[in-house]
Amino acid sequence: MSQRNIGFFDMIAIWVGANSNNASWYVGGTVAGAAFAGAIAVTLIANPIAYLILALIGYMGYKVGTSTMALTRPAFGIRGSALPTFLNTIVFLGWAVVNTFIAVISMSFIFSDLFGWSAYGEPGSSGPMIFGIIIMTLLNLAAVSLGRNSIKIVERLGMVLVLILGVWITVVVLQQHSLAEIYAWKPPADLKMPKGVAIDVMAAFSLAWVLGVAEFTRYTPTVKTATVAPLIGAFVALAWFAFVGIISTIGAALTTGVYNPDNSDPSSLVTNLGLGPIALILIVVACVTTNVVNLMAAGVSITNVTRKVKPLHSIWIVTIVSGILMLIPLYMTSFLDTFMIFLEYIGMVLSALIGVLVSDYFFIKKKKYDVSQFDIVGGKYWYYKGINLKAVAVWFIGVVFYAVIQNVDFFMATTGAVYPTIIVTSIIYIAISRPWK
């Protein structure tokens, strides 16, 4: 209890900072294909549900006093927890790649202005983009190598820069186009995004934070701070930044006369809106600062499986790996396609995982986890050779269920696949795990 020193407003600030980033704009711009009213409705429906789940996991972290990955041990087994740990590493590594690639796109536009090189999307842009990837990887390495106190300062700087840029973009868009124009805009029929797809995009984006919430809530002194504060902070920040992404994407479409979902990333948006190189530099700096959390979370996850690698060394490893992985979207058809595939992966594996994790704690174990058994071979959470086969089987069933209903028109036009998968997975896990009499 002596270490529980994160207060209510501190927790709100943490989660405002977590969602005050370029990726939050990008996800808003991505769902603009549902038109303004549809995109806003999805934002105000899908995300509160996700953050209610965030609050549930936050409560678990508060009660048990351990990290999110450690919380998976009672459900999946001590060894079985390596599976969600691997997922956690991939998710945060993926977000690092997304954020950094956005910065590299900005760099390519800066290089184009300074040296006349081809910008992202133009013929011959691969060379400048690879050069930008190298620079961003070095900047990321420098950022994650700072001490803890320095990283806090860097995080706050990044949040301020993104807030400034968000206000700037909002003002510019609304000066050029009224809300009435933005509301009346409709995407071309062949580029319209079904509401179910938009819900899945938003849900996958917001639920990814579930994998890191207990790292903070275990240091909170009250239930309210562990549950209500993260929900408020995450939702308020995401709602506003998604709004910025939505109106700026639609504003760019109105300005240029062409709606291209591939250009919904912040770098392309500020260029289409004519904001100039200063805005691009702000994006680069903000990406570096927001990437610190993603890279540290991915690196520390590795230490949950093996303690042979020191935390800083594992963080360096994932930072270098993220630089290599940035070559994937560079050579795919579009960055948006890569982003959507990534979100689909998150939604598929994370929804099934959440169903098992929440139902195990609240319904099967009745909110009672024995922390003293978390590392005991042959103990309460050892199951079969360290793995709870029931939990793994239900997780697999959930993934298959998601893949199936994702191709059903009814779900893609209404609820999406993420939330139905959470519900079905929870029901199945409770049914096969509960000691029926």
Protein backbone atom coordinates (compact mmCIF):
# COMPACT_ATOMS: atom_id res chain seq x y z
CA MET A 1 0.00 0.00 0.00
CA SER A 2 2.95 2.33 0.57
CA GLN A 3 3.59 2.29 -3.21
CA ARG A 4 0.00 3.17 -4.16
CA ASN A 5 0.61 6.84 -4.87
CA ILE A 6 -1.20 7.45 -8.19
CA GLY A 7 -4.13 9.77 -7.46
CA PHE A 8 -7.44 10.19 -9.29
CA PHE A 9 -6.41 13.16 -11.43
CA ASP A 10 -2.96 11.66 -12.03
CA MET A 11 -4.67 8.60 -13.48
CA ILE A 12 -6.91 10.75 -15.68
CA ALA A 13 -3.80 12.57 -16.95
CA ILE A 14 -2.04 9.28 -17.71
CA TRP A 15 -4.89 8.09 -19.94
CA VAL A 16 -5.46 11.47 -21.56
CA GLY A 17 -1.78 11.29 -22.51
CA ALA A 18 -2.12 7.70 -23.71
CA ASN A 19 -4.80 8.60 -26.27
CA SER A 20 -3.38 12.02 -27.18
CA ASN A 21 -1.41 10.74 -30.14
CA ASN A 22 -1.29 10.61 -33.91
CA ALA A 23 -2.75 7.10 -34.04
CA SER A 24 -5.93 8.39 -32.37
CA TRP A 25 -6.29 10.90 -35.23
CA TYR A 26 -5.59 8.20 -37.74
CA VAL A 27 -8.28 5.86 -36.40
CA GLY A 28 -10.74 8.77 -36.54
CA GLY A 29 -9.77 9.47 -40.13
CA THR A 30 -10.11 5.77 -40.94
CA VAL A 31 -13.77 5.60 -39.86
CA ALA A 32 -14.63 8.81 -41.73
CA GLY A 33 -15.74 6.43 -44.48
CA ALA A 34 -18.92 5.95 -42.41
CA ALA A 35 -19.67 9.69 -43.03
CA PHE A 36 -19.63 12.30 -40.26
CA ALA A 37 -22.79 11.21 -38.41
CA GLY A 38 -21.90 7.50 -38.64
CA ALA A 39 -18.29 8.04 -37.56
CA ILE A 40 -19.32 10.16 -34.54
CA ALA A 41 -21.99 7.62 -33.55
CA VAL A 42 -19.47 4.79 -33.71
CA THR A 43 -16.98 6.81 -31.66
CA LEU A 44 -19.57 7.47 -28.96
CA ILE A 45 -20.81 3.86 -28.83
CA ALA A 46 -17.84 1.54 -29.42
CA ASN A 47 -15.31 3.30 -27.23
CA PRO A 48 -17.29 3.67 -23.96
CA ILE A 49 -17.92 -0.11 -24.06
CA ALA A 50 -14.20 -0.72 -24.58
CA TYR A 51 -13.30 1.55 -21.69
CA LEU A 52 -15.82 -0.12 -19.39
CA ILE A 53 -13.85 -3.32 -20.05
CA LEU A 54 -10.67 -1.32 -19.41
CA ALA A 55 -12.14 -0.35 -16.04
CA LEU A 56 -12.87 -4.02 -15.22
CA ILE A 57 -9.26 -5.02 -15.86
CA GLY A 58 -8.18 -1.91 -13.97
CA TYR A 59 -10.20 -3.15 -11.01
CA MET A 60 -8.43 -6.52 -11.22
CA GLY A 61 -5.05 -4.79 -11.18
CA TYR A 62 -6.10 -2.74 -8.15
CA LYS A 63 -7.36 -5.76 -6.19
CA VAL A 64 -4.57 -8.19 -7.06
CA GLY A 65 -1.73 -5.65 -7.17
CA THR A 66 0.11 -7.02 -10.18
CA SER A 67 0.64 -6.43 -13.91
CA THR A 68 -1.86 -7.27 -16.65
CA MET A 69 0.22 -10.15 -17.97
CA ALA A 70 0.55 -11.65 -14.49
CA LEU A 71 -3.25 -11.44 -14.20
CA THR A 72 -3.51 -13.96 -17.05
CA ARG A 73 -1.80 -16.69 -14.98
CA PRO A 74 -4.83 -17.83 -12.95
CA ALA A 75 -6.89 -18.15 -16.15
CA PHE A 76 -4.33 -19.55 -18.61
CA GLY A 77 -1.86 -21.16 -16.20
CA ILE A 78 1.62 -20.07 -15.22
CA ARG A 79 3.13 -21.31 -18.47
CA GLY A 80 -0.01 -20.69 -20.49
CA SER A 81 0.28 -16.97 -19.72
CA ALA A 82 3.13 -16.91 -22.24
CA LEU A 83 0.45 -16.90 -24.98
CA PRO A 84 -1.19 -13.58 -23.98
CA THR A 85 2.28 -12.22 -23.18
CA PHE A 86 3.29 -12.89 -26.79
CA LEU A 87 0.10 -11.17 -27.93
CA ASN A 88 0.89 -8.19 -25.72
CA THR A 89 4.35 -7.85 -27.23
CA ILE A 90 2.98 -7.98 -30.78
CA VAL A 91 0.24 -5.42 -30.09
CA PHE A 92 2.49 -2.78 -28.54
CA LEU A 93 5.19 -3.45 -31.11
CA GLY A 94 2.57 -2.96 -33.81
CA TRP A 95 1.46 0.37 -32.37
CA ALA A 96 5.10 1.48 -32.27
CA VAL A 97 5.37 0.63 -35.97
CA VAL A 98 2.13 2.53 -36.78
CA ASN A 99 3.17 5.65 -34.87
CA THR A 100 6.71 5.63 -36.25
CA PHE A 101 5.61 5.05 -39.83
CA ILE A 102 3.34 8.10 -39.56
CA ALA A 103 6.42 10.08 -38.51
CA VAL A 104 8.42 8.67 -41.42
CA ILE A 105 5.68 9.81 -43.83
CA SER A 106 6.05 13.31 -42.35
CA MET A 107 9.81 13.09 -42.83
CA SER A 108 9.36 12.20 -46.49
CA PHE A 109 7.33 15.39 -47.04
CA ILE A 110 10.00 17.40 -45.19
CA PHE A 111 12.74 15.82 -47.36
CA SER A 112 10.67 16.68 -50.42
CA ASP A 113 10.53 20.36 -49.41
CA LEU A 114 14.24 20.53 -48.48
CA PHE A 115 15.89 18.36 -51.12
CA GLY A 116 13.26 17.75 -53.78
CA TRP A 117 13.13 14.00 -53.00
CA SER A 118 10.01 11.97 -53.75
CA ALA A 119 7.45 12.09 -50.92
CA TYR A 120 5.48 9.08 -49.65
CA GLY A 121 3.17 7.69 -52.33
CA GLU A 122 5.18 9.15 -55.21
CA PRO A 123 7.40 7.10 -57.56
CA GLY A 124 10.90 6.72 -56.15
CA SER A 125 9.89 7.38 -52.53
CA SER A 126 11.26 4.09 -51.16
CA GLY A 127 14.80 5.47 -50.68
CA PRO A 128 13.74 8.57 -48.70
CA MET A 129 11.31 6.47 -46.66
CA ILE A 130 14.01 3.94 -45.72
CA PHE A 131 16.31 6.82 -44.77
CA GLY A 132 13.51 8.18 -42.58
CA ILE A 133 13.00 4.75 -40.98
CA ILE A 134 16.69 4.65 -40.02
CA ILE A 135 16.52 8.14 -38.48
CA MET A 136 13.31 7.36 -36.57
CA THR A 137 14.74 4.09 -35.24
CA LEU A 138 17.77 5.96 -33.88
CA LEU A 139 15.52 8.60 -32.31
CA ASN A 140 13.39 5.87 -30.73
CA LEU A 141 16.50 4.18 -29.32
CA ALA A 142 17.61 7.46 -27.80
CA ALA A 143 14.17 8.11 -26.30
CA VAL A 144 13.78 4.68 -24.65
CA SER A 145 17.32 4.88 -23.23
CA LEU A 146 16.50 7.93 -21.09
CA GLY A 147 16.02 7.59 -17.36
CA ARG A 148 12.54 7.22 -15.85
CA ASN A 149 12.21 10.89 -14.82
CA SER A 150 13.42 12.09 -18.22
CA ILE A 151 10.88 9.85 -19.95
CA LYS A 152 8.07 11.46 -17.92
CA ILE A 153 9.18 14.87 -19.19
CA VAL A 154 9.37 13.59 -22.77
CA GLU A 155 5.86 12.10 -22.48
CA ARG A 156 4.41 15.38 -21.25
CA LEU A 157 6.16 17.25 -24.05
CA GLY A 158 4.69 14.89 -26.63
CA MET A 159 1.18 15.27 -25.24
CA VAL A 160 1.43 19.08 -25.34
CA LEU A 161 2.70 19.05 -28.93
CA VAL A 162 -0.10 16.79 -30.09
CA LEU A 163 -2.68 18.93 -28.30
CA ILE A 164 -1.31 22.04 -30.01
CA LEU A 165 -1.39 20.34 -33.39
CA GLY A 166 -4.92 19.04 -32.74
CA VAL A 167 -6.23 22.52 -31.95
CA TRP A 168 -4.40 23.93 -34.97
CA ILE A 169 -5.93 21.37 -37.37
CA THR A 170 -9.42 21.84 -35.89
CA VAL A 171 -9.25 25.62 -36.33
CA VAL A 172 -7.92 25.38 -39.90
CA VAL A 173 -10.56 22.85 -40.98
CA LEU A 174 -13.46 24.80 -39.47
CA GLN A 175 -12.17 28.02 -41.02
CA GLN A 176 -12.23 26.39 -44.44
CA HIS A 177 -15.44 24.36 -44.09
CA SER A 178 -18.44 24.73 -41.81
CA LEU A 179 -19.76 21.89 -39.69
CA ALA A 180 -22.82 21.90 -41.92
CA GLU A 181 -20.62 21.13 -44.97
CA ILE A 182 -18.75 18.45 -43.08
CA TYR A 183 -22.00 16.89 -41.85
CA ALA A 184 -23.49 16.89 -45.35
CA TRP A 185 -20.45 15.20 -46.94
CA LYS A 186 -20.91 11.60 -48.03
CA PRO A 187 -18.14 9.21 -49.16
CA PRO A 188 -18.33 7.61 -52.60
CA ALA A 189 -20.47 4.46 -52.55
CA ASP A 190 -17.51 2.18 -53.28
CA LEU A 191 -15.52 3.66 -50.36
CA LYS A 192 -18.30 3.73 -47.77
CA MET A 193 -17.39 1.90 -44.54
CA PRO A 194 -20.14 -0.29 -42.99
CA LYS A 195 -20.95 0.61 -39.38
CA GLY A 196 -20.02 -2.84 -38.09
CA VAL A 197 -16.56 -2.53 -39.63
CA ALA A 198 -16.17 0.94 -38.11
CA ILE A 199 -17.18 -0.40 -34.69
CA ASP A 200 -14.56 -3.14 -34.94
CA VAL A 201 -11.88 -0.60 -35.92
CA MET A 202 -12.68 1.59 -32.91
CA ALA A 203 -13.09 -1.36 -30.54
CA ALA A 204 -9.80 -2.96 -31.52
CA PHE A 205 -8.00 0.37 -31.14
CA SER A 206 -9.37 1.09 -27.67
CA LEU A 207 -9.26 -2.47 -26.31
CA ALA A 208 -5.53 -2.69 -27.03
CA TRP A 209 -5.02 -0.51 -23.93
CA VAL A 210 -6.54 -3.29 -21.80
CA LEU A 211 -3.22 -5.11 -22.02
CA GLY A 212 -1.45 -2.33 -20.13
CA VAL A 213 -3.96 -0.87 -17.66
CA ALA A 214 -3.08 -2.95 -14.57
CA GLU A 215 0.51 -1.67 -14.78
CA PHE A 216 -0.92 1.63 -13.53
CA THR A 217 -3.99 0.68 -11.48
CA ARG A 218 -1.99 -1.58 -9.16
CA TYR A 219 -0.49 1.67 -7.82
CA THR A 220 -3.87 3.28 -7.06
CA PRO A 221 -5.21 3.62 -3.47
CA THR A 222 -8.96 3.49 -4.27
CA VAL A 223 -11.37 1.57 -6.50
CA LYS A 224 -12.63 4.83 -8.02
CA THR A 225 -9.12 5.82 -9.10
CA ALA A 226 -8.53 2.38 -10.62
CA THR A 227 -11.76 2.24 -12.60
CA VAL A 228 -13.48 5.59 -13.16
CA ALA A 229 -10.32 7.65 -13.79
CA PRO A 230 -8.91 5.50 -16.65
CA LEU A 231 -12.36 5.36 -18.25
CA ILE A 232 -12.77 9.16 -18.17
CA GLY A 233 -9.23 9.97 -19.29
CA ALA A 234 -9.09 7.46 -22.14
CA PHE A 235 -12.55 8.23 -23.51
CA VAL A 236 -12.32 12.04 -23.37
CA ALA A 237 -8.96 12.07 -25.18
CA LEU A 238 -9.97 9.48 -27.77
CA ALA A 239 -13.31 11.14 -28.48
CA TRP A 240 -11.72 14.51 -29.19
CA PHE A 241 -8.77 13.19 -31.20
CA ALA A 242 -11.03 10.91 -33.23
CA PHE A 243 -13.20 13.98 -33.90
CA VAL A 244 -10.11 15.83 -35.16
CA GLY A 245 -9.27 12.88 -37.43
CA ILE A 246 -12.84 12.68 -38.75
CA ILE A 247 -13.26 16.37 -39.59
CA SER A 248 -9.73 16.77 -40.98
CA THR A 249 -10.17 13.77 -43.30
CA ILE A 250 -13.54 15.04 -44.49
CA GLY A 251 -12.13 18.59 -44.68
CA ALA A 252 -9.25 17.38 -46.87
CA ALA A 253 -11.76 15.58 -49.11
CA LEU A 254 -13.81 18.78 -49.45
CA THR A 255 -10.68 20.87 -50.11
CA THR A 256 -9.13 18.56 -52.72
CA GLY A 257 -12.39 17.24 -54.17
CA VAL A 258 -11.12 13.68 -53.73
CA TYR A 259 -11.74 11.29 -50.82
CA ASN A 260 -8.84 8.88 -50.46
CA PRO A 261 -8.87 6.78 -47.26
CA ASP A 262 -5.16 6.06 -47.79
CA ASN A 263 -4.48 9.74 -47.03
CA SER A 264 -6.17 9.75 -43.62
CA ASP A 265 -2.85 9.61 -41.76
CA PRO A 266 -1.90 12.90 -40.01
CA SER A 267 1.09 13.55 -42.28
CA SER A 268 -0.95 13.45 -45.48
CA LEU A 269 -3.77 15.42 -43.84
CA VAL A 270 -1.64 18.36 -42.73
CA THR A 271 -0.05 18.44 -46.19
CA ASN A 272 -3.44 18.43 -47.96
CA LEU A 273 -4.66 21.15 -45.60
CA GLY A 274 -1.55 23.25 -46.33
CA LEU A 275 -0.28 23.47 -42.74
CA GLY A 276 3.39 23.40 -43.80
CA PRO A 277 6.64 21.90 -42.44
CA ILE A 278 6.18 23.06 -38.83
CA ALA A 279 3.14 20.78 -38.44
CA LEU A 280 5.11 17.90 -39.95
CA ILE A 281 7.96 18.44 -37.48
CA LEU A 282 5.46 18.43 -34.59
CA ILE A 283 4.16 15.07 -35.81
CA VAL A 284 7.70 13.63 -35.89
CA VAL A 285 8.53 14.80 -32.35
CA ALA A 286 5.15 13.70 -30.99
CA CYS A 287 5.56 10.23 -32.53
CA VAL A 288 8.91 9.76 -30.81
CA THR A 289 7.52 10.74 -27.42
CA THR A 290 4.37 8.63 -27.66
CA ASN A 291 6.37 5.63 -28.84
CA VAL A 292 8.25 5.40 -25.55
CA VAL A 293 5.29 3.72 -23.81
CA ASN A 294 4.66 1.29 -26.69
CA LEU A 295 8.27 0.19 -26.96
CA MET A 296 8.76 -0.10 -23.21
CA ALA A 297 5.56 -2.15 -22.84
CA ALA A 298 6.62 -4.48 -25.66
CA GLY A 299 10.12 -4.88 -24.24
CA VAL A 300 9.05 -5.47 -20.64
CA SER A 301 6.58 -8.15 -21.81
CA ILE A 302 9.52 -10.25 -22.91
CA THR A 303 10.84 -10.30 -19.33
CA ASN A 304 7.57 -11.94 -18.20
CA VAL A 305 8.63 -15.04 -20.15
CA THR A 306 12.40 -14.99 -19.59
CA ARG A 307 14.54 -13.12 -17.09
CA LYS A 308 17.76 -13.83 -18.97
CA VAL A 309 17.42 -10.57 -20.91
CA LYS A 310 17.64 -7.30 -18.99
CA PRO A 311 14.63 -4.96 -19.42
CA LEU A 312 16.61 -2.20 -21.17
CA HIS A 313 18.20 -4.71 -23.54
CA SER A 314 14.80 -6.21 -24.42
CA ILE A 315 13.48 -2.69 -25.08
CA TRP A 316 16.41 -2.04 -27.41
CA ILE A 317 15.68 -5.32 -29.20
CA VAL A 318 12.00 -4.52 -29.85
CA THR A 319 12.93 -0.98 -30.96
CA ILE A 320 15.28 -2.35 -33.62
CA VAL A 321 12.70 -4.98 -34.61
CA SER A 322 10.06 -2.25 -35.00
CA GLY A 323 12.39 -0.46 -37.41
CA ILE A 324 12.68 -3.62 -39.50
CA LEU A 325 8.91 -4.21 -39.41
CA MET A 326 8.31 -0.73 -40.85
CA LEU A 327 9.49 -2.12 -44.17
CA ILE A 328 6.25 -4.14 -44.33
CA PRO A 329 3.80 -1.22 -44.82
CA LEU A 330 6.38 0.44 -47.07
CA TYR A 331 6.11 -2.35 -49.62
CA MET A 332 2.39 -3.10 -49.25
CA THR A 333 -0.26 -1.56 -51.47
CA SER A 334 -1.18 1.05 -48.89
CA PHE A 335 -0.49 2.00 -45.29
CA LEU A 336 -4.23 1.88 -44.60
CA ASP A 337 -4.39 -1.77 -45.72
CA THR A 338 -1.57 -2.62 -43.31
CA PHE A 339 -3.27 -0.72 -40.49
CA MET A 340 -6.61 -2.46 -41.08
CA ILE A 341 -4.96 -5.90 -41.11
CA PHE A 342 -3.25 -5.04 -37.82
CA LEU A 343 -6.54 -3.92 -36.24
CA GLU A 344 -8.24 -7.06 -37.52
CA TYR A 345 -5.55 -9.17 -35.82
CA ILE A 346 -5.99 -7.24 -32.56
CA GLY A 347 -9.76 -7.59 -32.64
CA MET A 348 -9.63 -11.30 -33.39
CA VAL A 349 -7.20 -12.42 -30.69
CA LEU A 350 -7.88 -9.75 -28.07
CA SER A 351 -11.67 -10.10 -27.95
CA ALA A 352 -11.39 -13.82 -27.23
CA LEU A 353 -8.67 -13.21 -24.63
CA ILE A 354 -10.75 -10.58 -22.81
CA GLY A 355 -13.75 -12.90 -22.68
CA VAL A 356 -11.69 -15.54 -20.87
CA LEU A 357 -9.83 -13.12 -18.59
CA VAL A 358 -12.88 -11.19 -17.33
CA SER A 359 -15.14 -14.22 -16.89
CA ASP A 360 -12.42 -16.16 -15.03
CA TYR A 361 -11.91 -13.43 -12.43
CA PHE A 362 -15.46 -12.20 -11.92
CA PHE A 363 -17.48 -15.40 -12.42
CA ILE A 364 -15.25 -18.45 -11.97
CA LYS A 365 -12.81 -17.31 -9.25
CA LYS A 366 -15.36 -14.91 -7.69
CA LYS A 367 -12.85 -12.01 -7.56
CA LYS A 368 -10.39 -14.04 -5.50
CA TYR A 369 -6.91 -14.63 -6.92
CA ASP A 370 -4.22 -16.10 -4.65
CA VAL A 371 -1.08 -14.11 -5.49
CA SER A 372 1.09 -16.48 -3.44
CA GLN A 373 0.32 -19.19 -6.04
CA PHE A 374 1.30 -17.16 -9.11
CA ASP A 375 4.78 -18.76 -9.34
CA ILE A 376 4.22 -22.15 -7.68
CA VAL A 377 4.94 -25.15 -9.90
CA GLY A 378 2.27 -27.75 -9.18
CA GLY A 379 0.16 -25.15 -7.33
CA LYS A 380 -3.36 -23.83 -7.79
CA TYR A 381 -2.62 -22.22 -11.16
CA TRP A 382 -0.40 -24.94 -12.61
CA TYR A 383 -3.25 -26.94 -14.23
CA TYR A 384 -1.85 -29.38 -16.84
CA LYS A 385 1.90 -28.87 -17.11
CA GLY A 386 1.45 -25.18 -16.40
CA ILE A 387 -1.34 -24.63 -18.93
CA ASN A 388 -5.12 -24.35 -18.47
CA LEU A 389 -6.22 -26.24 -21.57
CA LYS A 390 -9.83 -25.09 -21.16
CA ALA A 391 -8.84 -21.43 -21.37
CA VAL A 392 -6.61 -22.03 -24.40
CA ALA A 393 -9.36 -24.03 -26.13
CA VAL A 394 -11.97 -21.31 -25.52
CA TRP A 395 -9.55 -18.68 -26.78
CA PHE A 396 -9.11 -20.68 -29.98
CA ILE A 397 -12.90 -21.11 -30.34
CA GLY A 398 -13.30 -17.36 -29.90
CA VAL A 399 -10.79 -16.62 -32.65
CA VAL A 400 -12.60 -19.00 -35.02
CA PHE A 401 -15.98 -17.49 -34.10
CA TYR A 402 -14.63 -13.99 -34.86
CA ALA A 403 -13.25 -15.12 -38.22
CA VAL A 404 -16.60 -16.67 -39.17
CA ILE A 405 -18.98 -13.82 -38.23
CA GLN A 406 -16.61 -11.27 -39.74
CA ASN A 407 -17.85 -12.54 -43.08
CA VAL A 408 -21.54 -12.33 -42.12
CA ASP A 409 -23.19 -9.21 -43.56
CA PHE A 410 -25.56 -8.76 -40.61
CA PHE A 411 -22.73 -8.39 -38.09
CA MET A 412 -20.65 -6.15 -40.36
CA ALA A 413 -23.62 -3.85 -40.91
CA THR A 414 -24.57 -3.63 -37.22
CA THR A 415 -22.48 -4.77 -34.23
CA GLY A 416 -19.19 -5.82 -35.77
CA ALA A 417 -17.38 -8.97 -34.63
CA VAL A 418 -15.40 -7.81 -31.58
CA TYR A 419 -18.12 -7.42 -28.95
CA PRO A 420 -20.16 -10.51 -29.94
CA THR A 421 -16.93 -12.53 -29.68
CA ILE A 422 -16.29 -11.25 -26.14
CA ILE A 423 -19.81 -12.24 -25.08
CA VAL A 424 -19.76 -15.69 -26.70
CA THR A 425 -16.27 -16.48 -25.39
CA SER A 426 -17.29 -15.48 -21.86
CA ILE A 427 -20.39 -17.68 -21.95
CA ILE A 428 -18.49 -20.71 -23.25
CA TYR A 429 -15.68 -20.31 -20.70
CA ILE A 430 -18.14 -20.00 -17.80
CA ALA A 431 -20.08 -23.02 -19.06
CA ILE A 432 -17.06 -25.36 -19.21
CA SER A 433 -15.24 -24.01 -16.14
CA ARG A 434 -18.02 -23.58 -13.60
CA PRO A 435 -18.47 -26.53 -11.20
CA TRP A 436 -22.11 -27.32 -11.97
CA LYS A 437 -24.10 -29.24 -9.35
